[in-house]
Amino acid sequence: MPDENRPYWFSAKTFGFGWVLPAAWQGWAVLLAYVVLFVAGRFMFSTAEYRWPYTITITVLLVAVIVSGSVKSDLNECSARWTGPVAGT
Protein backbone atom coordinates (compact mmCIF):
# COMPACT_ATOMS: atom_id res chain seq x y z
CA MET A 1 0.00 0.00 0.00
CA PRO A 2 1.36 3.44 -0.82
CA ASP A 3 1.95 5.70 2.12
CA GLU A 4 1.39 9.44 1.95
CA ASN A 5 5.11 10.32 2.09
CA ARG A 6 6.24 7.98 -0.69
CA PRO A 7 3.63 7.12 -3.29
CA TYR A 8 4.48 4.13 -5.42
CA TRP A 9 4.73 4.54 -9.18
CA PHE A 10 4.82 0.80 -9.88
CA SER A 11 3.09 -2.15 -8.17
CA ALA A 12 4.87 -5.44 -7.56
CA LYS A 13 3.63 -8.59 -9.28
CA THR A 14 1.64 -11.00 -7.14
CA PHE A 15 3.75 -13.95 -8.25
CA GLY A 16 7.37 -13.75 -9.38
CA PHE A 17 9.82 -10.89 -9.54
CA GLY A 18 9.10 -7.58 -11.25
CA TRP A 19 6.34 -5.06 -11.74
CA VAL A 20 2.96 -4.91 -13.41
CA LEU A 21 1.58 -1.85 -15.20
CA PRO A 22 2.29 1.51 -13.53
CA ALA A 23 0.13 2.44 -10.54
CA ALA A 24 0.45 6.24 -10.79
CA TRP A 25 0.66 8.83 -13.53
CA GLN A 26 4.39 9.26 -12.86
CA GLY A 27 4.96 5.60 -13.69
CA TRP A 28 2.99 5.98 -16.91
CA ALA A 29 5.13 9.05 -17.75
CA VAL A 30 8.34 7.04 -17.21
CA LEU A 31 7.03 4.21 -19.37
CA LEU A 32 5.87 6.58 -22.13
CA ALA A 33 9.21 8.45 -22.09
CA TYR A 34 11.06 5.12 -22.40
CA VAL A 35 8.97 4.03 -25.39
CA VAL A 36 9.25 7.42 -27.14
CA LEU A 37 13.02 7.62 -26.61
CA PHE A 38 13.46 4.00 -27.66
CA VAL A 39 11.64 4.61 -30.96
CA ALA A 40 13.36 7.98 -31.51
CA GLY A 41 16.75 6.37 -30.94
CA ARG A 42 15.93 3.73 -33.51
CA PHE A 43 15.33 6.41 -36.12
CA MET A 44 18.30 8.53 -35.07
CA PHE A 45 20.74 5.60 -35.15
CA SER A 46 19.27 3.74 -38.10
CA THR A 47 22.43 2.80 -39.99
CA ALA A 48 24.96 0.10 -39.14
CA GLU A 49 27.68 2.64 -38.29
CA TYR A 50 25.61 3.84 -35.32
CA ARG A 51 25.12 0.37 -33.82
CA TRP A 52 27.16 1.08 -30.66
CA PRO A 53 25.67 4.52 -29.89
CA TYR A 54 22.21 2.95 -30.22
CA THR A 55 23.16 0.04 -27.97
CA ILE A 56 24.58 2.39 -25.34
CA THR A 57 21.50 4.65 -25.53
CA ILE A 58 19.08 1.75 -25.08
CA THR A 59 21.16 0.34 -22.22
CA VAL A 60 21.14 3.69 -20.40
CA LEU A 61 17.37 4.02 -20.92
CA LEU A 62 16.74 0.50 -19.66
CA VAL A 63 18.89 1.04 -16.57
CA ALA A 64 17.00 4.29 -15.87
CA VAL A 65 13.64 2.51 -16.04
CA ILE A 66 14.84 -0.33 -13.80
CA VAL A 67 16.26 2.09 -11.23
CA SER A 68 13.10 4.22 -11.18
CA GLY A 69 11.03 1.06 -10.81
CA SER A 70 13.22 -0.16 -7.96
CA VAL A 71 13.12 3.14 -6.12
CA LYS A 72 9.44 3.89 -6.68
CA SER A 73 7.78 0.50 -6.26
CA ASP A 74 6.33 -1.47 -3.38
CA LEU A 75 8.70 -4.36 -4.10
CA ASN A 76 10.98 -3.97 -1.08
CA GLU A 77 12.73 -7.30 -0.99
CA CYS A 78 15.01 -8.60 -3.70
CA SER A 79 13.31 -11.96 -4.07
CA ALA A 80 10.47 -13.52 -5.99
CA ARG A 81 7.05 -13.36 -4.38
CA TRP A 82 5.11 -16.53 -3.88
CA THR A 83 2.03 -16.55 -1.70
CA GLY A 84 0.81 -20.02 -2.67
CA PRO A 85 1.27 -23.29 -0.83
CA VAL A 86 4.80 -24.50 -0.20
CA ALA A 87 5.77 -27.53 -2.31
CA GLY A 88 6.03 -30.81 -0.42
CA THR A 89 3.74 -29.90 2.47
PDB file of N, CA and C in Angstrom:
ATOM      1  N   MET A   1       0.823  -1.177   0.000  1.00  0.00           N
ATOM      2  CA  MET A   1       0.000   0.000   0.000  1.00  0.00           C
ATOM      3  C   MET A   1       0.875   1.251   0.000  1.00  0.00           C
ATOM      4  N   PRO A   2       0.554   2.222  -0.824  1.00  0.00           N
ATOM      5  CA  PRO A   2       1.359   3.436  -0.824  1.00  0.00           C
ATOM      6  C   PRO A   2       1.092   4.270   0.419  1.00  0.00           C
ATOM      7  N   ASP A   3       2.152   4.786   1.010  1.00  0.00           N
ATOM      8  CA  ASP A   3       1.953   5.696   2.122  1.00  0.00           C
ATOM      9  C   ASP A   3       1.948   7.123   1.581  1.00  0.00           C
ATOM     10  N   GLU A   4       1.556   8.062   2.403  1.00  0.00           N
ATOM     11  CA  GLU A   4       1.393   9.438   1.953  1.00  0.00           C
ATOM     12  C   GLU A   4       2.723  10.109   1.648  1.00  0.00           C
ATOM     13  N   ASN A   5       3.818   9.689   2.300  1.00  0.00           N
ATOM     14  CA  ASN A   5       5.114  10.325   2.089  1.00  0.00           C
ATOM     15  C   ASN A   5       5.822   9.813   0.850  1.00  0.00           C
ATOM     16  N   ARG A   6       5.554   8.580   0.459  1.00  0.00           N
ATOM     17  CA  ARG A   6       6.240   7.984  -0.686  1.00  0.00           C
ATOM     18  C   ARG A   6       5.241   7.197  -1.540  1.00  0.00           C
ATOM     19  N   PRO A   7       4.557   7.871  -2.441  1.00  0.00           N
ATOM     20  CA  PRO A   7       3.625   7.118  -3.285  1.00  0.00           C
ATOM     21  C   PRO A   7       4.381   6.239  -4.275  1.00  0.00           C
ATOM     22  N   TYR A   8       3.833   5.074  -4.513  1.00  0.00           N
ATOM     23  CA  TYR A   8       4.482   4.131  -5.424  1.00  0.00           C
ATOM     24  C   TYR A   8       4.059   4.408  -6.853  1.00  0.00           C
ATOM     25  N   TRP A   9       5.016   4.358  -7.763  1.00  0.00           N
ATOM     26  CA  TRP A   9       4.734   4.539  -9.179  1.00  0.00           C
ATOM     27  C   TRP A   9       4.441   3.211  -9.848  1.00  0.00           C
ATOM     28  N   PHE A  10       4.987   2.126  -9.305  1.00  0.00           N
ATOM     29  CA  PHE A  10       4.821   0.799  -9.876  1.00  0.00           C
ATOM     30  C   PHE A  10       4.404  -0.172  -8.783  1.00  0.00           C
ATOM     31  N   SER A  11       3.520  -1.122  -9.111  1.00  0.00           N
ATOM     32  CA  SER A  11       3.091  -2.155  -8.172  1.00  0.00           C
ATOM     33  C   SER A  11       3.847  -3.444  -8.455  1.00  0.00           C
ATOM     34  N   ALA A  12       4.165  -4.170  -7.402  1.00  0.00           N
ATOM     35  CA  ALA A  12       4.867  -5.444  -7.563  1.00  0.00           C
ATOM     36  C   ALA A  12       3.896  -6.506  -8.070  1.00  0.00           C
ATOM     37  N   LYS A  13       4.432  -7.465  -8.818  1.00  0.00           N
ATOM     38  CA  LYS A  13       3.629  -8.586  -9.275  1.00  0.00           C
ATOM     39  C   LYS A  13       3.220  -9.441  -8.087  1.00  0.00           C
ATOM     40  N   THR A  14       2.085 -10.101  -8.202  1.00  0.00           N
ATOM     41  CA  THR A  14       1.636 -10.997  -7.138  1.00  0.00           C
ATOM     42  C   THR A  14       2.531 -12.225  -7.055  1.00  0.00           C
ATOM     43  N   PHE A  15       2.884 -12.783  -8.194  1.00  0.00           N
ATOM     44  CA  PHE A  15       3.753 -13.948  -8.246  1.00  0.00           C
ATOM     45  C   PHE A  15       4.975 -13.611  -9.081  1.00  0.00           C
ATOM     46  N   GLY A  16       6.151 -13.988  -8.626  1.00  0.00           N
ATOM     47  CA  GLY A  16       7.365 -13.748  -9.380  1.00  0.00           C
ATOM     48  C   GLY A  16       8.022 -12.427  -9.028  1.00  0.00           C
ATOM     49  N   PHE A  17       9.033 -12.092  -9.791  1.00  0.00           N
ATOM     50  CA  PHE A  17       9.815 -10.889  -9.542  1.00  0.00           C
ATOM     51  C   PHE A  17       9.536  -9.866 -10.634  1.00  0.00           C
ATOM     52  N   GLY A  18       9.321  -8.628 -10.261  1.00  0.00           N
ATOM     53  CA  GLY A  18       9.101  -7.580 -11.250  1.00  0.00           C
ATOM     54  C   GLY A  18       7.882  -6.749 -10.927  1.00  0.00           C
ATOM     55  N   TRP A  19       7.454  -5.977 -11.925  1.00  0.00           N
ATOM     56  CA  TRP A  19       6.340  -5.065 -11.739  1.00  0.00           C
ATOM     57  C   TRP A  19       5.265  -5.330 -12.779  1.00  0.00           C
ATOM     58  N   VAL A  20       4.058  -4.886 -12.445  1.00  0.00           N
ATOM     59  CA  VAL A  20       2.959  -4.912 -13.407  1.00  0.00           C
ATOM     60  C   VAL A  20       2.864  -3.520 -14.027  1.00  0.00           C
ATOM     61  N   LEU A  21       1.752  -3.182 -14.616  1.00  0.00           N
ATOM     62  CA  LEU A  21       1.579  -1.854 -15.196  1.00  0.00           C
ATOM     63  C   LEU A  21       1.718  -0.773 -14.122  1.00  0.00           C
ATOM     64  N   PRO A  22       2.108   0.426 -14.502  1.00  0.00           N
ATOM     65  CA  PRO A  22       2.290   1.508 -13.525  1.00  0.00           C
ATOM     66  C   PRO A  22       1.030   1.770 -12.698  1.00  0.00           C
ATOM     67  N   ALA A  23       1.238   2.187 -11.452  1.00  0.00           N
ATOM     68  CA  ALA A  23       0.134   2.442 -10.537  1.00  0.00           C
ATOM     69  C   ALA A  23      -0.180   3.928 -10.392  1.00  0.00           C
ATOM     70  N   ALA A  24       0.664   4.800 -10.895  1.00  0.00           N
ATOM     71  CA  ALA A  24       0.454   6.241 -10.786  1.00  0.00           C
ATOM     72  C   ALA A  24       0.812   6.899 -12.113  1.00  0.00           C
ATOM     73  N   TRP A  25       0.400   8.135 -12.263  1.00  0.00           N
ATOM     74  CA  TRP A  25       0.662   8.832 -13.531  1.00  0.00           C
ATOM     75  C   TRP A  25       2.153   9.012 -13.764  1.00  0.00           C
ATOM     76  N   GLN A  26       2.945   9.116 -12.692  1.00  0.00           N
ATOM     77  CA  GLN A  26       4.391   9.262 -12.864  1.00  0.00           C
ATOM     78  C   GLN A  26       4.996   8.003 -13.491  1.00  0.00           C
ATOM     79  N   GLY A  27       4.494   6.848 -13.099  1.00  0.00           N
ATOM     80  CA  GLY A  27       4.956   5.600 -13.688  1.00  0.00           C
ATOM     81  C   GLY A  27       4.596   5.512 -15.159  1.00  0.00           C
ATOM     82  N   TRP A  28       3.387   5.956 -15.499  1.00  0.00           N
ATOM     83  CA  TRP A  28       2.995   5.982 -16.905  1.00  0.00           C
ATOM     84  C   TRP A  28       3.872   6.944 -17.689  1.00  0.00           C
ATOM     85  N   ALA A  29       4.247   8.088 -17.073  1.00  0.00           N
ATOM     86  CA  ALA A  29       5.126   9.053 -17.746  1.00  0.00           C
ATOM     87  C   ALA A  29       6.501   8.446 -18.003  1.00  0.00           C
ATOM     88  N   VAL A  30       7.038   7.705 -17.036  1.00  0.00           N
ATOM     89  CA  VAL A  30       8.335   7.041 -17.213  1.00  0.00           C
ATOM     90  C   VAL A  30       8.252   6.008 -18.332  1.00  0.00           C
ATOM     91  N   LEU A  31       7.197   5.223 -18.340  1.00  0.00           N
ATOM     92  CA  LEU A  31       7.029   4.207 -19.374  1.00  0.00           C
ATOM     93  C   LEU A  31       6.859   4.841 -20.759  1.00  0.00           C
ATOM     94  N   LEU A  32       6.068   5.891 -20.848  1.00  0.00           N
ATOM     95  CA  LEU A  32       5.875   6.579 -22.128  1.00  0.00           C
ATOM     96  C   LEU A  32       7.180   7.214 -22.615  1.00  0.00           C
ATOM     97  N   ALA A  33       7.930   7.844 -21.711  1.00  0.00           N
ATOM     98  CA  ALA A  33       9.211   8.446 -22.090  1.00  0.00           C
ATOM     99  C   ALA A  33      10.174   7.376 -22.592  1.00  0.00           C
ATOM    100  N   TYR A  34      10.191   6.212 -21.951  1.00  0.00           N
ATOM    101  CA  TYR A  34      11.055   5.115 -22.397  1.00  0.00           C
ATOM    102  C   TYR A  34      10.693   4.687 -23.814  1.00  0.00           C
ATOM    103  N   VAL A  35       9.405   4.490 -24.070  1.00  0.00           N
ATOM    104  CA  VAL A  35       8.971   4.027 -25.394  1.00  0.00           C
ATOM    105  C   VAL A  35       9.280   5.080 -26.461  1.00  0.00           C
ATOM    106  N   VAL A  36       8.996   6.339 -26.167  1.00  0.00           N
ATOM    107  CA  VAL A  36       9.252   7.415 -27.138  1.00  0.00           C
ATOM    108  C   VAL A  36      10.746   7.525 -27.431  1.00  0.00           C
ATOM    109  N   LEU A  37      11.579   7.515 -26.395  1.00  0.00           N
ATOM    110  CA  LEU A  37      13.020   7.624 -26.606  1.00  0.00           C
ATOM    111  C   LEU A  37      13.596   6.383 -27.290  1.00  0.00           C
ATOM    112  N   PHE A  38      13.033   5.225 -26.999  1.00  0.00           N
ATOM    113  CA  PHE A  38      13.459   3.996 -27.663  1.00  0.00           C
ATOM    114  C   PHE A  38      13.203   4.087 -29.164  1.00  0.00           C
ATOM    115  N   VAL A  39      11.991   4.504 -29.544  1.00  0.00           N
ATOM    116  CA  VAL A  39      11.642   4.613 -30.959  1.00  0.00           C
ATOM    117  C   VAL A  39      12.440   5.739 -31.621  1.00  0.00           C
ATOM    118  N   ALA A  40      12.580   6.877 -30.948  1.00  0.00           N
ATOM    119  CA  ALA A  40      13.355   7.983 -31.514  1.00  0.00           C
ATOM    120  C   ALA A  40      14.811   7.573 -31.718  1.00  0.00           C
ATOM    121  N   GLY A  41      15.381   6.844 -30.793  1.00  0.00           N
ATOM    122  CA  GLY A  41      16.747   6.367 -30.936  1.00  0.00           C
ATOM    123  C   GLY A  41      16.901   5.429 -32.114  1.00  0.00           C
ATOM    124  N   ARG A  42      15.882   4.650 -32.371  1.00  0.00           N
ATOM    125  CA  ARG A  42      15.933   3.725 -33.508  1.00  0.00           C
ATOM    126  C   ARG A  42      16.008   4.490 -34.829  1.00  0.00           C
ATOM    127  N   PHE A  43      15.283   5.608 -34.900  1.00  0.00           N
ATOM    128  CA  PHE A  43      15.326   6.408 -36.123  1.00  0.00           C
ATOM    129  C   PHE A  43      16.595   7.252 -36.204  1.00  0.00           C
ATOM    130  N   MET A  44      17.089   7.713 -35.072  1.00  0.00           N
ATOM    131  CA  MET A  44      18.297   8.531 -35.069  1.00  0.00           C
ATOM    132  C   MET A  44      19.533   7.707 -35.423  1.00  0.00           C
ATOM    133  N   PHE A  45      19.589   6.472 -34.930  1.00  0.00           N
ATOM    134  CA  PHE A  45      20.743   5.601 -35.147  1.00  0.00           C
ATOM    135  C   PHE A  45      20.351   4.449 -36.062  1.00  0.00           C
ATOM    136  N   SER A  46      19.857   4.765 -37.256  1.00  0.00           N
ATOM    137  CA  SER A  46      19.269   3.736 -38.102  1.00  0.00           C
ATOM    138  C   SER A  46      20.285   2.979 -38.963  1.00  0.00           C
ATOM    139  N   THR A  47      21.470   3.503 -39.138  1.00  0.00           N
ATOM    140  CA  THR A  47      22.431   2.803 -39.991  1.00  0.00           C
ATOM    141  C   THR A  47      23.366   1.936 -39.157  1.00  0.00           C
ATOM    142  N   ALA A  48      24.088   1.044 -39.829  1.00  0.00           N
ATOM    143  CA  ALA A  48      24.963   0.097 -39.137  1.00  0.00           C
ATOM    144  C   ALA A  48      26.127   0.790 -38.439  1.00  0.00           C
ATOM    145  N   GLU A  49      26.543   1.949 -38.919  1.00  0.00           N
ATOM    146  CA  GLU A  49      27.677   2.636 -38.291  1.00  0.00           C
ATOM    147  C   GLU A  49      27.329   3.203 -36.918  1.00  0.00           C
ATOM    148  N   TYR A  50      26.042   3.320 -36.627  1.00  0.00           N
ATOM    149  CA  TYR A  50      25.606   3.835 -35.320  1.00  0.00           C
ATOM    150  C   TYR A  50      25.121   2.721 -34.396  1.00  0.00           C
ATOM    151  N   ARG A  51      25.571   1.506 -34.626  1.00  0.00           N
ATOM    152  CA  ARG A  51      25.123   0.375 -33.816  1.00  0.00           C
ATOM    153  C   ARG A  51      25.495   0.551 -32.349  1.00  0.00           C
ATOM    154  N   TRP A  52      26.731   0.943 -32.057  1.00  0.00           N
ATOM    155  CA  TRP A  52      27.159   1.081 -30.662  1.00  0.00           C
ATOM    156  C   TRP A  52      26.521   2.266 -29.954  1.00  0.00           C
ATOM    157  N   PRO A  53      26.394   3.445 -30.575  1.00  0.00           N
ATOM    158  CA  PRO A  53      25.666   4.521 -29.890  1.00  0.00           C
ATOM    159  C   PRO A  53      24.220   4.132 -29.566  1.00  0.00           C
ATOM    160  N   TYR A  54      23.584   3.402 -30.477  1.00  0.00           N
ATOM    161  CA  TYR A  54      22.214   2.949 -30.219  1.00  0.00           C
ATOM    162  C   TYR A  54      22.177   1.954 -29.064  1.00  0.00           C
ATOM    163  N   THR A  55      23.104   1.027 -29.047  1.00  0.00           N
ATOM    164  CA  THR A  55      23.159   0.039 -27.967  1.00  0.00           C
ATOM    165  C   THR A  55      23.395   0.711 -26.625  1.00  0.00           C
ATOM    166  N   ILE A  56      24.289   1.670 -26.586  1.00  0.00           N
ATOM    167  CA  ILE A  56      24.575   2.391 -25.340  1.00  0.00           C
ATOM    168  C   ILE A  56      23.361   3.205 -24.903  1.00  0.00           C
ATOM    169  N   THR A  57      22.690   3.858 -25.855  1.00  0.00           N
ATOM    170  CA  THR A  57      21.499   4.646 -25.527  1.00  0.00           C
ATOM    171  C   THR A  57      20.396   3.777 -24.945  1.00  0.00           C
ATOM    172  N   ILE A  58      20.133   2.654 -25.567  1.00  0.00           N
ATOM    173  CA  ILE A  58      19.084   1.755 -25.084  1.00  0.00           C
ATOM    174  C   ILE A  58      19.455   1.178 -23.724  1.00  0.00           C
ATOM    175  N   THR A  59      20.718   0.861 -23.515  1.00  0.00           N
ATOM    176  CA  THR A  59      21.162   0.341 -22.219  1.00  0.00           C
ATOM    177  C   THR A  59      20.963   1.375 -21.121  1.00  0.00           C
ATOM    178  N   VAL A  60      21.320   2.620 -21.386  1.00  0.00           N
ATOM    179  CA  VAL A  60      21.137   3.692 -20.399  1.00  0.00           C
ATOM    180  C   VAL A  60      19.648   3.893 -20.103  1.00  0.00           C
ATOM    181  N   LEU A  61      18.813   3.876 -21.136  1.00  0.00           N
ATOM    182  CA  LEU A  61      17.374   4.020 -20.924  1.00  0.00           C
ATOM    183  C   LEU A  61      16.810   2.867 -20.094  1.00  0.00           C
ATOM    184  N   LEU A  62      17.235   1.657 -20.398  1.00  0.00           N
ATOM    185  CA  LEU A  62      16.741   0.496 -19.660  1.00  0.00           C
ATOM    186  C   LEU A  62      17.175   0.533 -18.200  1.00  0.00           C
ATOM    187  N   VAL A  63      18.410   0.913 -17.951  1.00  0.00           N
ATOM    188  CA  VAL A  63      18.886   1.043 -16.565  1.00  0.00           C
ATOM    189  C   VAL A  63      18.092   2.116 -15.828  1.00  0.00           C
ATOM    190  N   ALA A  64      17.781   3.228 -16.500  1.00  0.00           N
ATOM    191  CA  ALA A  64      17.003   4.294 -15.873  1.00  0.00           C
ATOM    192  C   ALA A  64      15.603   3.816 -15.491  1.00  0.00           C
ATOM    193  N   VAL A  65      14.973   3.034 -16.353  1.00  0.00           N
ATOM    194  CA  VAL A  65      13.640   2.510 -16.038  1.00  0.00           C
ATOM    195  C   VAL A  65      13.709   1.515 -14.889  1.00  0.00           C
ATOM    196  N   ILE A  66      14.704   0.648 -14.883  1.00  0.00           N
ATOM    197  CA  ILE A  66      14.843  -0.328 -13.799  1.00  0.00           C
ATOM    198  C   ILE A  66      15.116   0.359 -12.471  1.00  0.00           C
ATOM    199  N   VAL A  67      15.966   1.370 -12.469  1.00  0.00           N
ATOM    200  CA  VAL A  67      16.265   2.095 -11.227  1.00  0.00           C
ATOM    201  C   VAL A  67      15.028   2.833 -10.737  1.00  0.00           C
ATOM    202  N   SER A  68      14.300   3.515 -11.624  1.00  0.00           N
ATOM    203  CA  SER A  68      13.098   4.223 -11.184  1.00  0.00           C
ATOM    204  C   SER A  68      12.053   3.239 -10.675  1.00  0.00           C
ATOM    205  N   GLY A  69      11.950   2.077 -11.302  1.00  0.00           N
ATOM    206  CA  GLY A  69      11.028   1.061 -10.807  1.00  0.00           C
ATOM    207  C   GLY A  69      11.446   0.508  -9.455  1.00  0.00           C
ATOM    208  N   SER A  70      12.739   0.348  -9.246  1.00  0.00           N
ATOM    209  CA  SER A  70      13.221  -0.160  -7.965  1.00  0.00           C
ATOM    210  C   SER A  70      13.011   0.844  -6.840  1.00  0.00           C
ATOM    211  N   VAL A  71      13.235   2.098  -7.139  1.00  0.00           N
ATOM    212  CA  VAL A  71      13.116   3.137  -6.116  1.00  0.00           C
ATOM    213  C   VAL A  71      11.662   3.459  -5.819  1.00  0.00           C
ATOM    214  N   LYS A  72      10.822   3.447  -6.830  1.00  0.00           N
ATOM    215  CA  LYS A  72       9.441   3.889  -6.680  1.00  0.00           C
ATOM    216  C   LYS A  72       8.428   2.758  -6.783  1.00  0.00           C
ATOM    217  N   SER A  73       8.744   1.589  -6.250  1.00  0.00           N
ATOM    218  CA  SER A  73       7.776   0.499  -6.261  1.00  0.00           C
ATOM    219  C   SER A  73       7.594  -0.040  -4.850  1.00  0.00           C
ATOM    220  N   ASP A  74       6.558  -0.861  -4.686  1.00  0.00           N
ATOM    221  CA  ASP A  74       6.328  -1.469  -3.379  1.00  0.00           C
ATOM    222  C   ASP A  74       7.005  -2.828  -3.258  1.00  0.00           C
ATOM    223  N   LEU A  75       7.916  -3.131  -4.168  1.00  0.00           N
ATOM    224  CA  LEU A  75       8.697  -4.364  -4.102  1.00  0.00           C
ATOM    225  C   LEU A  75       9.951  -4.071  -3.273  1.00  0.00           C
ATOM    226  N   ASN A  76       9.893  -4.354  -1.986  1.00  0.00           N
ATOM    227  CA  ASN A  76      10.979  -3.972  -1.085  1.00  0.00           C
ATOM    228  C   ASN A  76      12.071  -5.020  -0.971  1.00  0.00           C
ATOM    229  N   GLU A  77      11.721  -6.264  -1.107  1.00  0.00           N
ATOM    230  CA  GLU A  77      12.730  -7.304  -0.988  1.00  0.00           C
ATOM    231  C   GLU A  77      13.212  -7.706  -2.361  1.00  0.00           C
ATOM    232  N   CYS A  78      14.418  -8.214  -2.422  1.00  0.00           N
ATOM    233  CA  CYS A  78      15.006  -8.603  -3.700  1.00  0.00           C
ATOM    234  C   CYS A  78      14.828 -10.103  -3.895  1.00  0.00           C
ATOM    235  N   SER A  79      13.590 -10.551  -3.869  1.00  0.00           N
ATOM    236  CA  SER A  79      13.305 -11.963  -4.066  1.00  0.00           C
ATOM    237  C   SER A  79      11.969 -12.103  -4.775  1.00  0.00           C
ATOM    238  N   ALA A  80      11.733 -13.271  -5.313  1.00  0.00           N
ATOM    239  CA  ALA A  80      10.471 -13.523  -5.993  1.00  0.00           C
ATOM    240  C   ALA A  80       9.368 -13.707  -4.964  1.00  0.00           C
ATOM    241  N   ARG A  81       8.197 -13.197  -5.275  1.00  0.00           N
ATOM    242  CA  ARG A  81       7.047 -13.358  -4.385  1.00  0.00           C
ATOM    243  C   ARG A  81       6.321 -14.646  -4.723  1.00  0.00           C
ATOM    244  N   TRP A  82       5.927 -15.354  -3.699  1.00  0.00           N
ATOM    245  CA  TRP A  82       5.108 -16.528  -3.880  1.00  0.00           C
ATOM    246  C   TRP A  82       4.245 -16.670  -2.651  1.00  0.00           C
ATOM    247  N   THR A  83       2.942 -16.493  -2.838  1.00  0.00           N
ATOM    248  CA  THR A  83       2.033 -16.548  -1.699  1.00  0.00           C
ATOM    249  C   THR A  83       1.223 -17.823  -1.688  1.00  0.00           C
ATOM    250  N   GLY A  84       1.542 -18.754  -2.588  1.00  0.00           N
ATOM    251  CA  GLY A  84       0.809 -20.015  -2.668  1.00  0.00           C
ATOM    252  C   GLY A  84       1.339 -21.032  -1.673  1.00  0.00           C
ATOM    253  N   PRO A  85       0.827 -22.238  -1.741  1.00  0.00           N
ATOM    254  CA  PRO A  85       1.273 -23.293  -0.835  1.00  0.00           C
ATOM    255  C   PRO A  85       2.725 -23.693  -1.109  1.00  0.00           C
ATOM    256  N   VAL A  86       3.421 -24.085  -0.081  1.00  0.00           N
ATOM    257  CA  VAL A  86       4.800 -24.502  -0.200  1.00  0.00           C
ATOM    258  C   VAL A  86       4.825 -25.928  -0.740  1.00  0.00           C
ATOM    259  N   ALA A  87       5.679 -26.206  -1.709  1.00  0.00           N
ATOM    260  CA  ALA A  87       5.766 -27.530  -2.312  1.00  0.00           C
ATOM    261  C   ALA A  87       6.229 -28.552  -1.278  1.00  0.00           C
ATOM    262  N   GLY A  88       5.621 -29.716  -1.296  1.00  0.00           N
ATOM    263  CA  GLY A  88       6.031 -30.809  -0.421  1.00  0.00           C
ATOM    264  C   GLY A  88       5.395 -30.782   0.949  1.00  0.00           C
ATOM    265  N   THR A  89       4.399 -29.931   1.151  1.00  0.00           N
ATOM    266  CA  THR A  89       3.737 -29.903   2.471  1.00  0.00           C
ATOM    267  C   THR A  89       2.384 -30.512   2.397  1.00  0.00           C
TER     268      THR A  89
END
